Amino acid sequence: MAGRADEGPGAEEPYAIDWAGQLLDHLRPAARDPHRVAGWLGQALRATVCLQDAHGRLLAGEPMPLDAAVLADVGGGRISSAALDDGGRHVRMVEVRHREQGAGAVLAVVRGEPFDRRAAELVNRAAGVLELLLRDRELTHAGRRLRRATADLRLAILQLLMVEDIVSARRVAAGLWPGLLEGDTARVYVVESAPAERDALADACAGATDGQALVVRCPAMDGHVIVVSPEPTAGQRLRSLLDGRAGVFLGGSLRQRLARTATAYGQAVSALAVARFRPDRTAVYAERTHPESLMDPVALHAWSAGVLRPLDTLAHHTRAELLATTRLGLEFTAVSAAKVLGVSRNTVRARMDRVETLIGTDFSGLTTRAAVRLALNSEAARGPYDPDGTAPGPSAGVRLGDLFAPPALRGWGGELLGRLDGDGRDLRRTLRAWLAADANAERAARELGVHAQTVREHVRAAEPVLERQLLAGGSDLYEVVLAHLACGALTVPGLGGANRGQLDSAVHE
């Protein structure tokens, strides 16, 4: 503690008592604060201290009037320091250079007593400490800006992949991640954690994949990290991150062409829903049977081509943009899809409205949305049937109802929905009514004569039994719709080719 002038030998220089050690103490990570240094210096010298930049902006200490010309000379680097005697005020200004280029800051100290050698030295040493602190702050801010710019760049690459602009995505990625997208295929993973832990998890994902993956903080879901990796060992590496991390889940897609990144993303989200019900908290899309794999592939592709044929005359980039937007719009809300694609929600709705008009359907019906998603996934898996739009209509003899004819598909649907039969609340009946009401709990409740909250509780209770998320919508919900269509529990919508505009006959359990 500083002593008074009458307190013994050396008391006339209280700032000389271990000031070097005290200054060094301000460089500790927990104590790096220019305000603390300014306060300490003012107390040590019984002075007023001001740290400001060349534009007069206060950085630490207290504001004070200073000679503008001298301030400009010191801050601009023309002189390193200046001492002024202004009518009883003794002023000392020292340059604090913390940037490679441009004007630096100025440390100004004003006291009633003249500056002796030790006081002047203390000001200079304090300026050196402040220079280190300000440089550290600049580097920290620059690092944050760089990380933010890098994150924005990763997101931009993902958005280009989502709309099948592979050439542009490779060009953008080549500068920072050479070779990352040179291959034609990749897997997409979605890792979920609490939102507060996502930044640390994203860094861990980047470290686990050794820079051989595109790691993106999902713009739509605060707890999600999206990983696009061509490496075959990426899934195993990401699984290792779950050890010791409670509440972290991992979902992965099939290996897909880069042009199918949007499809792979939907698969990863679907697998993530399954992972929430598994003890190891991981799942891969291929680990469970999906209805389209049980359909006649020729008939499925022909029907899908017929549904999407009106889009075949569009320019490739326009067609890809519309289909990618519709695919995401069917999986997620318009707001979430817009965030993933980097467009406005009105743009998402406008694109989906255009697709509705072109294929002559209405996305308001749940079974229709499930059918359109089936067509989109089939088209994405095998490519457009007739990109030039010149071949005869391949779906002339194929109706959507025909796709549900294979016994294996009916068996799959029966097995899946049969899991609900053991519950005495008749979850199966509630779920069917809820789906028939386009997932509207109030309408389903009126049909069943129960409260809407009861419908929601029954649907929520069905989720762990089916290992699928239903209330959140998306691919899991559409699979359960297809299971009901395969079992004849819902009306097959008229969509595509011969049956566009008319309904197949309804068959109920």
Protein backbone atom coordinates (compact mmCIF):
# COMPACT_ATOMS: atom_id res chain seq x y z
CA MET A 1 0.00 0.00 0.00
CA ALA A 2 1.25 3.49 -0.82
CA GLY A 3 2.51 5.44 2.23
CA ARG A 4 2.36 9.11 3.05
CA ALA A 5 5.37 11.44 2.83
CA ASP A 6 5.92 11.39 6.65
CA GLU A 7 5.96 7.62 7.07
CA GLY A 8 9.69 6.96 6.98
CA PRO A 9 12.48 6.33 4.50
CA GLY A 10 11.36 5.87 0.92
CA ALA A 11 7.87 7.05 1.69
CA GLU A 12 8.33 10.00 -0.64
CA GLU A 13 8.24 7.47 -3.51
CA PRO A 14 5.38 5.11 -2.63
CA TYR A 15 5.12 3.95 -6.24
CA ALA A 16 8.64 2.56 -6.03
CA ILE A 17 7.55 -0.26 -3.71
CA ASP A 18 7.50 -3.41 -5.91
CA TRP A 19 5.85 -1.58 -8.80
CA ALA A 20 7.53 -3.90 -11.31
CA GLY A 21 5.92 -6.95 -9.73
CA GLN A 22 2.56 -5.24 -9.55
CA LEU A 23 2.73 -4.28 -13.22
CA LEU A 24 3.61 -7.82 -14.22
CA ASP A 25 0.66 -9.02 -12.20
CA HIS A 26 -1.61 -7.16 -14.63
CA LEU A 27 -0.43 -9.48 -17.43
CA ARG A 28 -1.97 -12.55 -15.82
CA PRO A 29 -4.82 -13.95 -17.98
CA ALA A 30 -7.40 -13.27 -15.27
CA ALA A 31 -6.22 -9.68 -14.73
CA ARG A 32 -5.76 -8.36 -18.26
CA ASP A 33 -7.77 -5.17 -18.14
CA PRO A 34 -6.52 -1.69 -19.24
CA HIS A 35 -8.94 -0.11 -16.76
CA ARG A 36 -7.20 -1.88 -13.88
CA VAL A 37 -3.79 -0.72 -15.08
CA ALA A 38 -5.01 2.89 -15.40
CA GLY A 39 -6.54 2.75 -11.93
CA TRP A 40 -3.37 1.28 -10.42
CA LEU A 41 -1.17 3.87 -12.12
CA GLY A 42 -3.36 6.74 -10.94
CA GLN A 43 -3.24 5.49 -7.36
CA ALA A 44 0.53 4.89 -7.46
CA LEU A 45 1.32 8.38 -8.79
CA ARG A 46 -1.55 10.25 -7.14
CA ALA A 47 -2.52 11.31 -10.63
CA THR A 48 -5.33 11.36 -13.11
CA VAL A 49 -4.81 8.81 -15.89
CA CYS A 50 -6.38 8.75 -19.34
CA LEU A 51 -5.88 6.23 -22.14
CA GLN A 52 -7.46 7.24 -25.42
CA ASP A 53 -7.05 6.54 -29.10
CA ALA A 54 -5.94 9.06 -31.71
CA HIS A 55 -9.58 10.01 -32.35
CA GLY A 56 -10.17 10.95 -28.73
CA ARG A 57 -12.16 7.83 -27.83
CA LEU A 58 -11.62 6.92 -24.17
CA LEU A 59 -10.17 3.43 -23.75
CA ALA A 60 -9.49 3.47 -20.00
CA GLY A 61 -9.18 5.87 -17.09
CA GLU A 62 -10.87 9.26 -16.88
CA PRO A 63 -11.50 11.79 -19.68
CA MET A 64 -9.46 14.98 -19.53
CA PRO A 65 -8.71 17.98 -21.77
CA LEU A 66 -5.41 17.55 -23.62
CA ASP A 67 -3.46 19.62 -26.12
CA ALA A 68 -4.84 18.45 -29.45
CA ALA A 69 -1.66 19.13 -31.43
CA VAL A 70 0.59 17.26 -29.00
CA LEU A 71 -1.94 14.45 -28.75
CA ALA A 72 -1.94 14.09 -32.53
CA ASP A 73 1.87 14.07 -32.67
CA VAL A 74 2.17 11.36 -30.01
CA GLY A 75 -0.73 9.26 -31.27
CA GLY A 76 0.47 9.52 -34.86
CA GLY A 77 3.95 8.29 -33.96
CA ARG A 78 5.78 11.51 -34.88
CA ILE A 79 7.09 11.69 -31.32
CA SER A 80 7.10 8.86 -28.78
CA SER A 81 6.38 10.96 -25.70
CA ALA A 82 5.86 14.51 -24.48
CA ALA A 83 6.05 16.33 -21.13
CA LEU A 84 4.08 19.52 -20.55
CA ASP A 85 3.87 21.97 -17.68
CA ASP A 86 0.54 23.75 -17.85
CA GLY A 87 0.01 26.20 -15.03
CA GLY A 88 0.61 23.86 -12.13
CA ARG A 89 -0.55 20.80 -14.06
CA HIS A 90 2.23 18.41 -14.98
CA VAL A 91 1.28 16.29 -17.97
CA ARG A 92 3.09 13.38 -19.49
CA MET A 93 1.91 11.71 -22.73
CA VAL A 94 3.32 8.42 -24.01
CA GLU A 95 2.56 6.60 -27.24
CA VAL A 96 0.95 3.16 -26.85
CA ARG A 97 1.36 1.49 -30.22
CA HIS A 98 -0.74 -1.64 -30.49
CA ARG A 99 -1.37 -1.88 -34.24
CA GLU A 100 0.93 -2.72 -37.11
CA GLN A 101 -0.39 0.26 -39.05
CA GLY A 102 -2.38 3.37 -38.27
CA ALA A 103 -2.44 5.72 -35.32
CA GLY A 104 -1.86 4.28 -31.86
CA ALA A 105 -3.28 5.13 -28.48
CA VAL A 106 -1.96 7.73 -26.03
CA LEU A 107 -1.44 7.32 -22.31
CA ALA A 108 -1.77 10.69 -20.57
CA VAL A 109 -0.96 11.17 -16.87
CA VAL A 110 -1.68 14.47 -15.07
CA ARG A 111 -0.49 15.24 -11.54
CA GLY A 112 0.20 18.27 -9.37
CA GLU A 113 3.83 17.30 -8.73
CA PRO A 114 6.61 17.22 -11.33
CA PHE A 115 7.56 13.83 -12.78
CA ASP A 116 10.87 12.65 -11.33
CA ARG A 117 12.93 9.90 -12.96
CA ARG A 118 11.12 7.07 -11.21
CA ALA A 119 7.66 8.47 -11.93
CA ALA A 120 8.53 8.94 -15.60
CA GLU A 121 9.88 5.40 -15.76
CA LEU A 122 6.72 4.05 -14.16
CA VAL A 123 4.59 5.80 -16.80
CA ASN A 124 6.73 4.34 -19.58
CA ARG A 125 6.59 0.84 -18.15
CA ALA A 126 2.84 1.11 -17.65
CA ALA A 127 2.56 2.19 -21.29
CA GLY A 128 4.43 -0.97 -22.28
CA VAL A 129 2.01 -3.13 -20.31
CA LEU A 130 -0.95 -1.32 -21.83
CA GLU A 131 0.52 -1.87 -25.29
CA LEU A 132 0.60 -5.62 -24.64
CA LEU A 133 -2.95 -5.62 -23.29
CA LEU A 134 -4.32 -3.61 -26.22
CA ARG A 135 -2.45 -5.78 -28.71
CA ASP A 136 -3.88 -8.87 -27.02
CA ARG A 137 -7.35 -7.35 -27.25
CA GLU A 138 -6.86 -6.55 -30.95
CA LEU A 139 -5.67 -10.09 -31.64
CA THR A 140 -8.64 -11.49 -29.72
CA HIS A 141 -11.06 -9.35 -31.70
CA ALA A 142 -9.31 -10.24 -34.96
CA GLY A 143 -9.52 -13.91 -34.04
CA ARG A 144 -13.25 -13.58 -33.39
CA ARG A 145 -13.76 -11.81 -36.70
CA LEU A 146 -11.78 -14.50 -38.48
CA ARG A 147 -13.75 -17.29 -36.81
CA ARG A 148 -17.01 -15.53 -37.65
CA ALA A 149 -15.95 -15.05 -41.28
CA THR A 150 -14.83 -18.67 -41.50
CA ALA A 151 -18.14 -19.83 -40.04
CA ASP A 152 -20.04 -17.68 -42.55
CA LEU A 153 -17.94 -19.15 -45.35
CA ARG A 154 -18.67 -22.71 -44.22
CA LEU A 155 -22.39 -21.90 -44.12
CA ALA A 156 -22.22 -20.39 -47.62
CA ILE A 157 -20.60 -23.58 -48.93
CA LEU A 158 -23.30 -25.71 -47.31
CA GLN A 159 -26.02 -23.53 -48.82
CA LEU A 160 -24.47 -23.91 -52.27
CA LEU A 161 -24.41 -27.68 -51.82
CA MET A 162 -28.04 -27.61 -50.73
CA VAL A 163 -29.12 -26.11 -54.05
CA GLU A 164 -26.81 -28.43 -56.06
CA ASP A 165 -24.37 -25.68 -57.09
CA ILE A 166 -21.40 -28.00 -56.68
CA VAL A 167 -19.03 -26.04 -58.92
CA SER A 168 -19.42 -22.84 -56.89
CA ALA A 169 -19.18 -24.75 -53.61
CA ARG A 170 -15.85 -26.27 -54.70
CA ARG A 171 -14.51 -22.89 -55.77
CA VAL A 172 -15.36 -21.30 -52.44
CA ALA A 173 -13.95 -24.23 -50.45
CA ALA A 174 -10.72 -24.55 -52.45
CA GLY A 175 -9.07 -21.50 -50.89
CA LEU A 176 -9.36 -22.59 -47.26
CA TRP A 177 -9.94 -26.35 -47.44
CA PRO A 178 -8.15 -27.65 -50.56
CA GLY A 179 -9.42 -31.02 -51.69
CA LEU A 180 -12.35 -31.12 -49.26
CA LEU A 181 -15.01 -31.41 -51.97
CA GLU A 182 -12.94 -33.02 -54.72
CA GLY A 183 -14.80 -36.31 -54.37
CA ASP A 184 -18.29 -36.83 -55.73
CA THR A 185 -19.84 -38.28 -52.56
CA ALA A 186 -20.04 -37.54 -48.85
CA ARG A 187 -22.06 -38.29 -45.75
CA VAL A 188 -23.89 -35.71 -43.69
CA TYR A 189 -23.99 -35.94 -39.91
CA VAL A 190 -25.98 -33.87 -37.45
CA VAL A 191 -24.70 -33.68 -33.88
CA GLU A 192 -27.10 -32.32 -31.28
CA SER A 193 -26.28 -30.79 -27.90
CA ALA A 194 -27.64 -28.11 -25.60
CA PRO A 195 -27.40 -24.72 -27.39
CA ALA A 196 -24.99 -23.39 -24.76
CA GLU A 197 -22.55 -26.23 -25.51
CA ARG A 198 -22.73 -26.05 -29.30
CA ASP A 199 -19.67 -23.87 -29.93
CA ALA A 200 -17.44 -26.21 -27.94
CA LEU A 201 -19.02 -29.20 -29.70
CA ALA A 202 -18.43 -27.64 -33.14
CA ASP A 203 -14.76 -27.12 -32.29
CA ALA A 204 -14.57 -30.72 -31.11
CA CYS A 205 -16.14 -31.92 -34.37
CA ALA A 206 -13.59 -29.95 -36.38
CA GLY A 207 -10.78 -31.40 -34.31
CA ALA A 208 -12.09 -34.96 -34.52
CA THR A 209 -12.30 -34.81 -38.32
CA ASP A 210 -8.81 -33.26 -38.70
CA GLY A 211 -10.02 -30.53 -41.02
CA GLN A 212 -11.34 -33.10 -43.52
CA ALA A 213 -14.97 -32.12 -43.06
CA LEU A 214 -17.23 -29.13 -43.52
CA VAL A 215 -18.39 -28.27 -39.99
CA VAL A 216 -21.29 -25.81 -39.80
CA ARG A 217 -23.31 -24.46 -36.90
CA CYS A 218 -26.86 -25.03 -38.09
CA PRO A 219 -28.55 -21.67 -38.74
CA ALA A 220 -32.00 -23.14 -38.07
CA MET A 221 -31.52 -25.28 -34.94
CA ASP A 222 -29.51 -23.72 -32.11
CA GLY A 223 -28.29 -27.05 -30.75
CA HIS A 224 -27.27 -28.66 -34.06
CA VAL A 225 -23.86 -28.96 -35.71
CA ILE A 226 -23.87 -30.14 -39.35
CA VAL A 227 -20.86 -32.10 -40.59
CA VAL A 228 -20.33 -32.94 -44.27
CA SER A 229 -17.45 -35.36 -44.72
CA PRO A 230 -16.18 -37.53 -47.58
CA GLU A 231 -13.98 -39.51 -45.19
CA PRO A 232 -15.21 -43.07 -44.41
CA THR A 233 -14.01 -42.85 -40.80
CA ALA A 234 -15.79 -39.59 -39.97
CA GLY A 235 -18.76 -41.32 -38.34
CA GLN A 236 -16.55 -43.33 -36.02
CA ARG A 237 -14.58 -40.24 -35.05
CA LEU A 238 -17.73 -38.26 -34.32
CA ARG A 239 -19.11 -41.12 -32.21
CA SER A 240 -16.09 -40.81 -29.96
CA LEU A 241 -17.22 -37.29 -29.03
CA LEU A 242 -20.29 -38.69 -27.27
CA ASP A 243 -18.19 -40.32 -24.55
CA GLY A 244 -18.48 -38.25 -21.40
CA ARG A 245 -20.92 -35.81 -23.00
CA ALA A 246 -24.41 -36.33 -21.65
CA GLY A 247 -27.26 -35.07 -23.81
CA VAL A 248 -25.30 -35.27 -27.08
CA PHE A 249 -26.77 -37.28 -30.00
CA LEU A 250 -25.50 -38.18 -33.47
CA GLY A 251 -27.43 -38.93 -36.66
CA GLY A 252 -25.84 -39.81 -39.98
CA SER A 253 -26.97 -40.16 -43.59
CA LEU A 254 -26.21 -42.65 -46.28
CA ARG A 255 -23.28 -41.84 -48.55
CA GLN A 256 -24.75 -39.51 -51.17
CA ARG A 257 -23.63 -37.57 -54.19
CA LEU A 258 -22.74 -33.98 -53.32
CA ALA A 259 -25.71 -32.88 -55.42
CA ARG A 260 -27.90 -34.75 -52.90
CA THR A 261 -26.64 -32.87 -49.87
CA ALA A 262 -30.15 -31.62 -49.06
CA THR A 263 -31.44 -35.20 -49.12
CA ALA A 264 -28.53 -36.40 -46.99
CA TYR A 265 -29.22 -33.62 -44.50
CA GLY A 266 -32.83 -34.76 -44.18
CA GLN A 267 -31.64 -38.34 -43.67
CA ALA A 268 -29.24 -37.25 -40.94
CA VAL A 269 -32.00 -35.34 -39.12
CA SER A 270 -34.25 -38.40 -39.41
CA ALA A 271 -31.50 -40.62 -37.98
CA LEU A 272 -30.97 -38.10 -35.19
CA ALA A 273 -34.58 -38.60 -34.12
CA VAL A 274 -33.91 -42.33 -33.82
CA ALA A 275 -30.69 -41.70 -31.91
CA ARG A 276 -32.65 -39.97 -29.15
CA PHE A 277 -34.32 -43.28 -28.34
CA ARG A 278 -31.17 -45.42 -28.40
CA PRO A 279 -28.84 -46.16 -25.49
CA ASP A 280 -25.70 -45.33 -27.51
CA ARG A 281 -27.31 -42.06 -28.71
CA THR A 282 -26.27 -42.67 -32.33
CA ALA A 283 -28.09 -43.80 -35.47
CA VAL A 284 -27.45 -44.00 -39.20
CA TYR A 285 -30.24 -43.64 -41.72
CA ALA A 286 -29.46 -47.01 -43.31
CA GLU A 287 -29.96 -48.85 -40.04
CA ARG A 288 -33.73 -49.08 -40.43
CA THR A 289 -35.98 -50.07 -43.29
CA HIS A 290 -37.56 -47.25 -45.25
CA PRO A 291 -40.73 -47.70 -47.27
CA GLU A 292 -39.32 -46.58 -50.63
CA SER A 293 -36.78 -49.42 -50.49
CA LEU A 294 -39.67 -51.92 -50.48
CA MET A 295 -41.44 -50.46 -53.52
CA ASP A 296 -40.98 -51.61 -57.11
CA PRO A 297 -38.03 -49.39 -58.13
CA VAL A 298 -39.06 -49.11 -61.79
CA ALA A 299 -42.64 -48.20 -60.91
CA LEU A 300 -41.51 -45.78 -58.20
CA HIS A 301 -39.13 -43.97 -60.49
CA ALA A 302 -41.63 -43.84 -63.33
CA TRP A 303 -44.34 -42.45 -61.07
CA SER A 304 -41.95 -39.90 -59.53
CA ALA A 305 -40.84 -38.76 -62.98
CA GLY A 306 -44.46 -38.22 -63.95
CA VAL A 307 -45.12 -36.12 -60.86
CA LEU A 308 -42.10 -33.91 -61.43
CA ARG A 309 -42.19 -33.83 -65.23
CA PRO A 310 -43.57 -30.23 -65.38
CA LEU A 311 -40.29 -29.03 -63.84
CA ASP A 312 -38.11 -30.75 -66.45
CA THR A 313 -38.43 -27.87 -68.90
CA LEU A 314 -36.90 -25.39 -66.45
CA ALA A 315 -33.25 -24.37 -66.52
CA HIS A 316 -31.13 -26.77 -64.47
CA HIS A 317 -30.22 -24.27 -61.75
CA THR A 318 -33.84 -23.13 -61.41
CA ARG A 319 -35.11 -26.70 -61.22
CA ALA A 320 -32.48 -27.64 -58.64
CA GLU A 321 -33.26 -24.54 -56.58
CA LEU A 322 -37.00 -25.25 -56.58
CA LEU A 323 -36.59 -28.91 -55.70
CA ALA A 324 -34.03 -28.28 -52.96
CA THR A 325 -36.23 -25.59 -51.40
CA THR A 326 -39.33 -27.80 -51.59
CA ARG A 327 -37.46 -30.76 -50.11
CA LEU A 328 -36.35 -28.68 -47.12
CA GLY A 329 -39.69 -26.92 -46.89
CA LEU A 330 -41.45 -30.25 -46.55
CA GLU A 331 -39.01 -31.44 -43.90
CA PHE A 332 -38.93 -28.28 -41.79
CA THR A 333 -40.83 -25.05 -41.27
CA ALA A 334 -40.49 -22.28 -43.84
CA VAL A 335 -38.48 -20.26 -41.31
CA SER A 336 -36.01 -23.09 -40.67
CA ALA A 337 -35.67 -23.90 -44.37
CA ALA A 338 -35.02 -20.23 -45.10
CA LYS A 339 -32.24 -20.10 -42.50
CA VAL A 340 -30.57 -23.22 -43.89
CA LEU A 341 -30.72 -21.88 -47.46
CA GLY A 342 -29.84 -18.30 -46.56
CA VAL A 343 -32.99 -16.79 -48.08
CA SER A 344 -36.15 -15.22 -46.69
CA ARG A 345 -39.13 -17.32 -45.65
CA ASN A 346 -41.18 -15.50 -48.28
CA THR A 347 -38.74 -16.78 -50.90
CA VAL A 348 -39.19 -20.32 -49.58
CA ARG A 349 -42.97 -20.01 -49.75
CA ALA A 350 -42.84 -18.46 -53.23
CA ARG A 351 -40.69 -21.29 -54.56
CA MET A 352 -42.94 -23.93 -53.03
CA ASP A 353 -46.03 -22.17 -54.39
CA ARG A 354 -44.45 -22.34 -57.84
CA VAL A 355 -43.82 -26.08 -57.48
CA GLU A 356 -47.42 -26.57 -56.34
CA THR A 357 -48.65 -24.76 -59.45
CA LEU A 358 -46.35 -26.64 -61.81
CA ILE A 359 -47.24 -30.14 -60.58
CA GLY A 360 -50.87 -29.25 -59.98
CA THR A 361 -51.26 -30.11 -56.32
CA ASP A 362 -51.79 -28.58 -52.90
CA PHE A 363 -49.26 -29.00 -50.10
CA SER A 364 -51.81 -28.33 -47.38
CA GLY A 365 -52.73 -32.03 -47.19
CA LEU A 366 -50.41 -34.23 -45.13
CA THR A 367 -50.74 -37.28 -47.39
CA THR A 368 -50.01 -35.10 -50.41
CA ARG A 369 -46.87 -33.74 -48.77
CA ALA A 370 -45.76 -37.27 -47.94
CA ALA A 371 -46.32 -38.34 -51.56
CA VAL A 372 -44.44 -35.34 -52.99
CA ARG A 373 -41.55 -36.01 -50.63
CA LEU A 374 -41.51 -39.62 -51.86
CA ALA A 375 -41.26 -38.38 -55.45
CA LEU A 376 -38.50 -35.91 -54.55
CA ASN A 377 -36.44 -38.58 -52.79
CA SER A 378 -36.83 -40.99 -55.68
CA GLU A 379 -35.80 -38.33 -58.19
CA ALA A 380 -32.82 -37.33 -56.07
CA ALA A 381 -31.68 -40.97 -55.76
CA ARG A 382 -31.75 -41.81 -59.47
CA GLY A 383 -31.88 -38.49 -61.29
CA PRO A 384 -34.63 -37.08 -63.53
CA TYR A 385 -36.28 -39.63 -65.79
CA ASP A 386 -36.32 -37.35 -68.81
CA PRO A 387 -34.41 -34.08 -68.38
CA ASP A 388 -35.35 -32.89 -71.88
CA GLY A 389 -39.05 -33.55 -71.40
CA THR A 390 -39.32 -35.30 -74.78
CA ALA A 391 -39.88 -38.95 -73.86
CA PRO A 392 -43.39 -40.43 -73.59
CA GLY A 393 -44.89 -40.15 -70.13
CA PRO A 394 -43.43 -43.07 -68.18
CA SER A 395 -46.09 -42.99 -65.47
CA ALA A 396 -49.07 -43.42 -67.74
CA GLY A 397 -49.92 -46.77 -66.22
CA VAL A 398 -48.57 -46.19 -62.70
CA ARG A 399 -50.69 -44.78 -59.90
CA LEU A 400 -49.51 -43.87 -56.44
CA GLY A 401 -51.72 -46.61 -55.01
CA ASP A 402 -49.88 -49.18 -57.13
CA LEU A 403 -46.66 -48.42 -55.27
CA PHE A 404 -48.17 -49.78 -52.05
CA ALA A 405 -49.03 -53.18 -53.57
CA PRO A 406 -45.86 -55.16 -52.65
CA PRO A 407 -46.58 -57.51 -49.71
CA ALA A 408 -43.25 -56.61 -48.10
CA LEU A 409 -44.31 -52.97 -47.90
CA ARG A 410 -47.69 -53.84 -46.40
CA GLY A 411 -45.91 -56.11 -43.93
CA TRP A 412 -43.52 -53.35 -42.97
CA GLY A 413 -46.39 -50.94 -42.36
CA GLY A 414 -48.34 -53.51 -40.37
CA GLU A 415 -45.32 -54.35 -38.20
CA LEU A 416 -44.53 -50.71 -37.53
CA LEU A 417 -48.07 -49.69 -36.58
CA GLY A 418 -48.65 -52.97 -34.76
CA ARG A 419 -46.20 -51.83 -32.10
CA LEU A 420 -48.93 -49.50 -30.85
CA ASP A 421 -51.50 -52.25 -30.25
CA GLY A 422 -50.16 -53.11 -26.82
CA ASP A 423 -51.15 -49.77 -25.33
CA GLY A 424 -54.60 -49.74 -23.75
CA ARG A 425 -55.20 -46.12 -24.75
CA ASP A 426 -55.66 -47.15 -28.40
CA LEU A 427 -52.78 -45.00 -29.59
CA ARG A 428 -53.18 -46.42 -33.07
CA ARG A 429 -56.69 -45.06 -33.44
CA THR A 430 -55.68 -41.63 -32.15
CA LEU A 431 -52.66 -41.49 -34.44
CA ARG A 432 -54.72 -42.42 -37.51
CA ALA A 433 -57.31 -39.73 -36.71
CA TRP A 434 -54.56 -37.17 -36.14
CA LEU A 435 -52.93 -37.96 -39.48
CA ALA A 436 -56.29 -37.91 -41.28
CA ALA A 437 -56.79 -34.41 -39.82
CA ASP A 438 -53.47 -33.29 -41.36
CA ALA A 439 -51.75 -33.44 -37.93
CA ASN A 440 -54.25 -30.99 -36.45
CA ALA A 441 -54.94 -32.00 -32.85
CA GLU A 442 -58.12 -29.90 -32.52
CA ARG A 443 -59.75 -31.44 -35.61
CA ALA A 444 -58.73 -34.93 -34.56
CA ALA A 445 -60.12 -34.32 -31.06
CA ARG A 446 -63.51 -33.34 -32.48
CA GLU A 447 -63.53 -36.50 -34.59
CA LEU A 448 -62.66 -38.69 -31.60
CA GLY A 449 -64.74 -36.84 -29.03
CA VAL A 450 -61.79 -36.16 -26.72
CA HIS A 451 -59.73 -33.15 -25.67
CA ALA A 452 -57.02 -31.89 -28.01
CA GLN A 453 -54.45 -32.28 -25.26
CA THR A 454 -55.32 -35.97 -25.08
CA VAL A 455 -54.59 -36.30 -28.78
CA ARG A 456 -51.19 -34.65 -28.34
CA GLU A 457 -50.38 -36.84 -25.36
CA HIS A 458 -51.28 -39.99 -27.32
CA VAL A 459 -49.16 -38.90 -30.30
CA ARG A 460 -46.28 -38.08 -28.00
CA ALA A 461 -46.63 -41.49 -26.34
CA ALA A 462 -46.45 -43.18 -29.77
CA GLU A 463 -43.09 -41.57 -30.59
CA PRO A 464 -40.80 -43.80 -28.45
CA VAL A 465 -42.79 -46.91 -29.46
CA LEU A 466 -42.33 -46.16 -33.16
CA GLU A 467 -38.83 -44.67 -32.63
CA ARG A 468 -39.90 -41.67 -34.68
CA GLN A 469 -40.61 -38.03 -33.94
CA LEU A 470 -44.11 -37.09 -35.01
CA LEU A 471 -45.09 -33.77 -33.46
CA ALA A 472 -41.96 -32.11 -34.88
CA GLY A 473 -42.96 -33.10 -38.43
CA GLY A 474 -40.48 -34.01 -41.14
CA SER A 475 -39.30 -37.34 -42.50
CA ASP A 476 -40.35 -39.44 -39.51
CA LEU A 477 -43.91 -38.18 -39.79
CA TYR A 478 -44.00 -38.86 -43.53
CA GLU A 479 -42.80 -42.43 -43.03
CA VAL A 480 -45.64 -43.09 -40.58
CA VAL A 481 -48.05 -41.60 -43.13
CA LEU A 482 -46.71 -44.00 -45.78
CA ALA A 483 -47.14 -46.87 -43.33
CA HIS A 484 -50.81 -45.93 -42.95
CA LEU A 485 -51.19 -45.66 -46.74
CA ALA A 486 -49.59 -49.08 -47.19
CA CYS A 487 -52.04 -50.57 -44.68
CA GLY A 488 -55.01 -48.83 -46.29
CA ALA A 489 -55.67 -46.72 -43.19
CA LEU A 490 -55.53 -43.40 -45.05
CA THR A 491 -56.84 -42.25 -48.41
CA VAL A 492 -54.21 -42.30 -51.14
CA PRO A 493 -54.01 -38.81 -52.68
CA GLY A 494 -54.32 -38.29 -56.42
CA LEU A 495 -50.90 -37.23 -57.61
CA GLY A 496 -49.00 -37.84 -60.81
CA GLY A 497 -49.78 -39.29 -64.22
CA ALA A 498 -53.03 -41.19 -64.60
CA ASN A 499 -54.48 -40.38 -61.21
CA ARG A 500 -53.71 -36.68 -60.94
CA GLY A 501 -56.79 -34.87 -59.69
CA GLN A 502 -58.67 -37.96 -58.48
CA LEU A 503 -58.50 -40.07 -55.33
CA ASP A 504 -57.83 -43.77 -55.13
CA SER A 505 -60.55 -45.68 -53.36
CA ALA A 506 -60.13 -45.52 -49.60
CA VAL A 507 -59.63 -48.73 -47.70
CA HIS A 508 -59.90 -48.56 -43.91
CA GLU A 509 -58.86 -51.02 -41.22
